[in-house]
C-alpha atoms as a PDB file:
ATOM      1  CA  ALA A   1       0.000  -0.003   0.014  1.00  0.00           C
ATOM      2  CA  VAL A   2       1.072   3.554  -0.621  1.00  0.00           C
ATOM      3  CA  VAL A   3       1.529   5.608   2.521  1.00  0.00           C
ATOM      4  CA  SER A   4       1.028   9.347   2.526  1.00  0.00           C
ATOM      5  CA  THR A   5       3.016  11.547   4.890  1.00  0.00           C
ATOM      6  CA  GLN A   6       2.362  14.984   6.343  1.00  0.00           C
ATOM      7  CA  SER A   7       5.767  16.370   5.233  1.00  0.00           C
ATOM      8  CA  THR A   8       4.963  15.877   1.515  1.00  0.00           C
ATOM      9  CA  GLY A   9       1.515  17.413   1.615  1.00  0.00           C
ATOM     10  CA  GLY A  10      -0.269  14.060   1.413  1.00  0.00           C
ATOM     11  CA  ALA A  11       1.271  13.057  -1.902  1.00  0.00           C
ATOM     12  CA  ASP A  12       1.883   9.336  -2.536  1.00  0.00           C
ATOM     13  CA  CYS A  13       5.300   8.055  -3.608  1.00  0.00           C
ATOM     14  CA  TRP A  14       4.511   8.256  -7.328  1.00  0.00           C
ATOM     15  CA  GLU A  15       3.469  11.924  -7.060  1.00  0.00           C
ATOM     16  CA  ARG A  16       6.607  12.687  -5.027  1.00  0.00           C
ATOM     17  CA  LEU A  17       8.792  11.042  -7.685  1.00  0.00           C
ATOM     18  CA  ARG A  18       7.062  12.986 -10.443  1.00  0.00           C
ATOM     19  CA  GLY A  19       7.480  16.232  -8.480  1.00  0.00           C
ATOM     20  CA  LEU A  20      11.220  15.547  -8.202  1.00  0.00           C
ATOM     21  CA  GLY A  21      11.449  14.798 -11.936  1.00  0.00           C
ATOM     22  CA  LEU A  22      12.274  11.116 -11.271  1.00  0.00           C
ATOM     23  CA  VAL A  23      10.840   7.926 -12.707  1.00  0.00           C
ATOM     24  CA  SER A  24      10.262   4.470 -11.284  1.00  0.00           C
ATOM     25  CA  LEU A  25      12.901   1.772 -11.191  1.00  0.00           C
ATOM     26  CA  GLN A  26      10.879  -0.168 -13.768  1.00  0.00           C
ATOM     27  CA  ARG A  27      10.912   2.754 -16.199  1.00  0.00           C
ATOM     28  CA  ARG A  28      14.668   3.335 -15.642  1.00  0.00           C
ATOM     29  CA  GLY A  29      15.272  -0.339 -16.421  1.00  0.00           C
ATOM     30  CA  GLN A  30      13.185  -0.109 -19.596  1.00  0.00           C
ATOM     31  CA  ARG A  31      15.085   3.007 -20.694  1.00  0.00           C
ATOM     32  CA  TYR A  32      18.411   1.313 -20.071  1.00  0.00           C
ATOM     33  CA  ALA A  33      17.373  -1.776 -22.103  1.00  0.00           C
ATOM     34  CA  LEU A  34      16.272   0.363 -25.052  1.00  0.00           C
ATOM     35  CA  ILE A  35      19.522   2.444 -25.006  1.00  0.00           C
ATOM     36  CA  HIS A  36      21.538  -0.795 -24.918  1.00  0.00           C
ATOM     37  CA  VAL A  37      19.640  -2.205 -27.927  1.00  0.00           C
ATOM     38  CA  TRP A  38      20.247   1.045 -29.805  1.00  0.00           C
ATOM     39  CA  ARG A  39      23.937   0.807 -29.043  1.00  0.00           C
ATOM     40  CA  VAL A  40      24.010  -2.854 -30.258  1.00  0.00           C
ATOM     41  CA  TYR A  41      22.318  -1.831 -33.498  1.00  0.00           C
ATOM     42  CA  HIS A  42      24.930   0.844 -34.126  1.00  0.00           C
ATOM     43  CA  GLY A  43      27.860  -1.475 -33.260  1.00  0.00           C
ATOM     44  CA  LEU A  44      28.863   0.364 -30.110  1.00  0.00           C
ATOM     45  CA  VAL A  45      28.770  -2.714 -27.835  1.00  0.00           C
ATOM     46  CA  PRO A  46      31.771  -5.002 -28.079  1.00  0.00           C
ATOM     47  CA  GLY A  47      30.962  -8.663 -28.651  1.00  0.00           C
ATOM     48  CA  SER A  48      27.382  -8.027 -29.767  1.00  0.00           C
ATOM     49  CA  THR A  49      27.774  -9.241 -33.333  1.00  0.00           C
ATOM     50  CA  GLY A  50      25.441 -12.177 -32.681  1.00  0.00           C
ATOM     51  CA  MET A  51      22.551  -9.872 -31.762  1.00  0.00           C
ATOM     52  CA  LYS A  52      23.247  -7.555 -34.669  1.00  0.00           C
ATOM     53  CA  GLN A  53      21.904 -10.161 -37.079  1.00  0.00           C
ATOM     54  CA  ASP A  54      18.549 -10.046 -35.245  1.00  0.00           C
ATOM     55  CA  PHE A  55      17.683  -6.646 -36.730  1.00  0.00           C
ATOM     56  CA  ASP A  56      15.480  -6.259 -39.781  1.00  0.00           C
ATOM     57  CA  GLY A  57      16.219  -3.361 -42.080  1.00  0.00           C
ATOM     58  CA  GLU A  58      14.564  -0.020 -41.845  1.00  0.00           C
ATOM     59  CA  GLY A  59      11.073  -0.502 -43.236  1.00  0.00           C
ATOM     60  CA  ARG A  60       7.739   1.181 -42.748  1.00  0.00           C
ATOM     61  CA  LEU A  61       7.967   0.580 -38.970  1.00  0.00           C
ATOM     62  CA  GLY A  62      11.625   1.666 -38.713  1.00  0.00           C
ATOM     63  CA  VAL A  63      14.321  -0.621 -37.400  1.00  0.00           C
ATOM     64  CA  GLN A  64      12.678  -3.754 -35.987  1.00  0.00           C
ATOM     65  CA  LEU A  65      14.075  -6.761 -34.194  1.00  0.00           C
ATOM     66  CA  LYS A  66      13.157 -10.184 -35.456  1.00  0.00           C
ATOM     67  CA  SER A  67      10.999 -12.227 -33.179  1.00  0.00           C
ATOM     68  CA  ALA A  68      12.121 -12.783 -29.583  1.00  0.00           C
ATOM     69  CA  PRO A  69      13.165 -16.264 -28.430  1.00  0.00           C
ATOM     70  CA  LYS A  70      10.134 -18.519 -28.297  1.00  0.00           C
ATOM     71  CA  TYR A  71       8.944 -20.405 -25.261  1.00  0.00           C
ATOM     72  CA  ILE A  72       9.743 -24.076 -25.130  1.00  0.00           C
ATOM     73  CA  GLN A  73       6.402 -25.852 -25.172  1.00  0.00           C
ATOM     74  CA  LYS A  74       7.347 -28.433 -22.575  1.00  0.00           C
ATOM     75  CA  ALA A  75       9.214 -26.035 -20.293  1.00  0.00           C
ATOM     76  CA  ASP A  76       8.104 -25.856 -16.706  1.00  0.00           C
ATOM     77  CA  THR A  77       6.648 -22.624 -15.306  1.00  0.00           C
ATOM     78  CA  LYS A  78       9.910 -21.533 -13.636  1.00  0.00           C
ATOM     79  CA  ARG A  79      11.889 -21.796 -16.828  1.00  0.00           C
ATOM     80  CA  ALA A  80       9.151 -20.134 -18.879  1.00  0.00           C
ATOM     81  CA  ASN A  81       9.131 -17.226 -16.423  1.00  0.00           C
ATOM     82  CA  GLN A  82      12.909 -16.961 -16.537  1.00  0.00           C
ATOM     83  CA  LEU A  83      12.784 -16.787 -20.333  1.00  0.00           C
ATOM     84  CA  PHE A  84       9.978 -14.259 -20.336  1.00  0.00           C
ATOM     85  CA  ASN A  85      11.829 -12.007 -17.863  1.00  0.00           C
ATOM     86  CA  SER A  86      15.193 -12.342 -19.641  1.00  0.00           C
ATOM     87  CA  PHE A  87      16.853  -9.299 -21.159  1.00  0.00           C
ATOM     88  CA  GLY A  88      16.513 -10.684 -24.709  1.00  0.00           C
ATOM     89  CA  VAL A  89      12.743 -11.119 -24.550  1.00  0.00           C
ATOM     90  CA  GLN A  90      12.010  -7.887 -22.693  1.00  0.00           C
ATOM     91  CA  ALA A  91      14.374  -5.779 -24.817  1.00  0.00           C
ATOM     92  CA  TYR A  92      12.991  -7.189 -28.107  1.00  0.00           C
ATOM     93  CA  SER A  93       9.470  -6.552 -26.952  1.00  0.00           C
ATOM     94  CA  LEU A  94      10.192  -2.937 -25.879  1.00  0.00           C
ATOM     95  CA  TRP A  95      12.204  -2.115 -28.994  1.00  0.00           C
ATOM     96  CA  ASN A  96       9.522  -3.242 -31.393  1.00  0.00           C
ATOM     97  CA  LYS A  97       6.992  -0.968 -29.705  1.00  0.00           C
ATOM     98  CA  LEU A  98       9.025   2.174 -30.376  1.00  0.00           C
ATOM     99  CA  PRO A  99       7.690   4.506 -33.060  1.00  0.00           C
ATOM    100  CA  VAL A 100       9.775   5.107 -36.223  1.00  0.00           C
ATOM    101  CA  GLU A 101      10.840   8.618 -35.173  1.00  0.00           C
ATOM    102  CA  VAL A 102      12.486   7.117 -32.048  1.00  0.00           C
ATOM    103  CA  ASN A 103      14.150   3.912 -33.285  1.00  0.00           C
ATOM    104  CA  THR A 104      15.660   5.522 -36.388  1.00  0.00           C
ATOM    105  CA  CYS A 105      17.556   8.291 -34.574  1.00  0.00           C
ATOM    106  CA  ALA A 106      21.139   8.561 -35.840  1.00  0.00           C
ATOM    107  CA  THR A 107      22.923   9.720 -32.707  1.00  0.00           C
ATOM    108  CA  LEU A 108      22.779   8.489 -29.105  1.00  0.00           C
ATOM    109  CA  GLU A 109      21.852  11.927 -27.782  1.00  0.00           C
ATOM    110  CA  SER A 110      18.989  12.364 -30.242  1.00  0.00           C
ATOM    111  CA  PHE A 111      17.813   8.794 -29.387  1.00  0.00           C
ATOM    112  CA  LYS A 112      17.865   9.506 -25.623  1.00  0.00           C
ATOM    113  CA  SER A 113      15.959  12.730 -26.154  1.00  0.00           C
ATOM    114  CA  ALA A 114      13.279  11.171 -28.394  1.00  0.00           C
ATOM    115  CA  LEU A 115      13.033   8.140 -26.026  1.00  0.00           C
ATOM    116  CA  GLY A 116      12.494  10.468 -23.044  1.00  0.00           C
ATOM    117  CA  VAL A 117       9.669  12.284 -24.837  1.00  0.00           C
ATOM    118  CA  PHE A 118       8.090   8.966 -25.943  1.00  0.00           C
ATOM    119  CA  LEU A 119       8.294   7.399 -22.440  1.00  0.00           C
ATOM    120  CA  ASP A 120       6.842  10.540 -20.811  1.00  0.00           C
ATOM    121  CA  THR A 121       3.609   9.949 -22.765  1.00  0.00           C
ATOM    122  CA  PHE A 122       2.953   6.787 -20.656  1.00  0.00           C
ATOM    123  CA  HIS A 123       1.644   6.673 -17.107  1.00  0.00           C
ATOM    124  CA  ASP A 124       4.511   5.664 -14.780  1.00  0.00           C
ATOM    125  CA  ARG A 125       2.887   3.690 -11.969  1.00  0.00           C
ATOM    126  CA  PRO A 126       4.210   0.143 -12.148  1.00  0.00           C
ATOM    127  CA  PRO A 127       2.543  -2.629 -10.206  1.00  0.00           C
ATOM    128  CA  THR A 128       3.827  -3.014  -6.639  1.00  0.00           C
END
């Protein structure tokens, strides 16, 4: 449960974060994953040549990643959850949801700026 305090004027923790110009840990993790994928695409991450082949060319939807690793049909729940929560699956999923004007940015600074604007359009109250 979210606890309000007198010293913050009764604001809950999400309102206090917003007032300080901060985002949730979940949103920060998502931003980091997307920046890392952008760096892989542009060849700025050493040893990432295997992931580089997972990108489709720039089409109507911009730069897209090929499908994320598939679940193994006979995998138990624990292994299926581990796969779903892995960086590869989460990063692929997030990257493919970016609009063209974000995922086709040429420089890291322009990408970060466009990504910030895009992420600010979503409500930042992750489940607790």
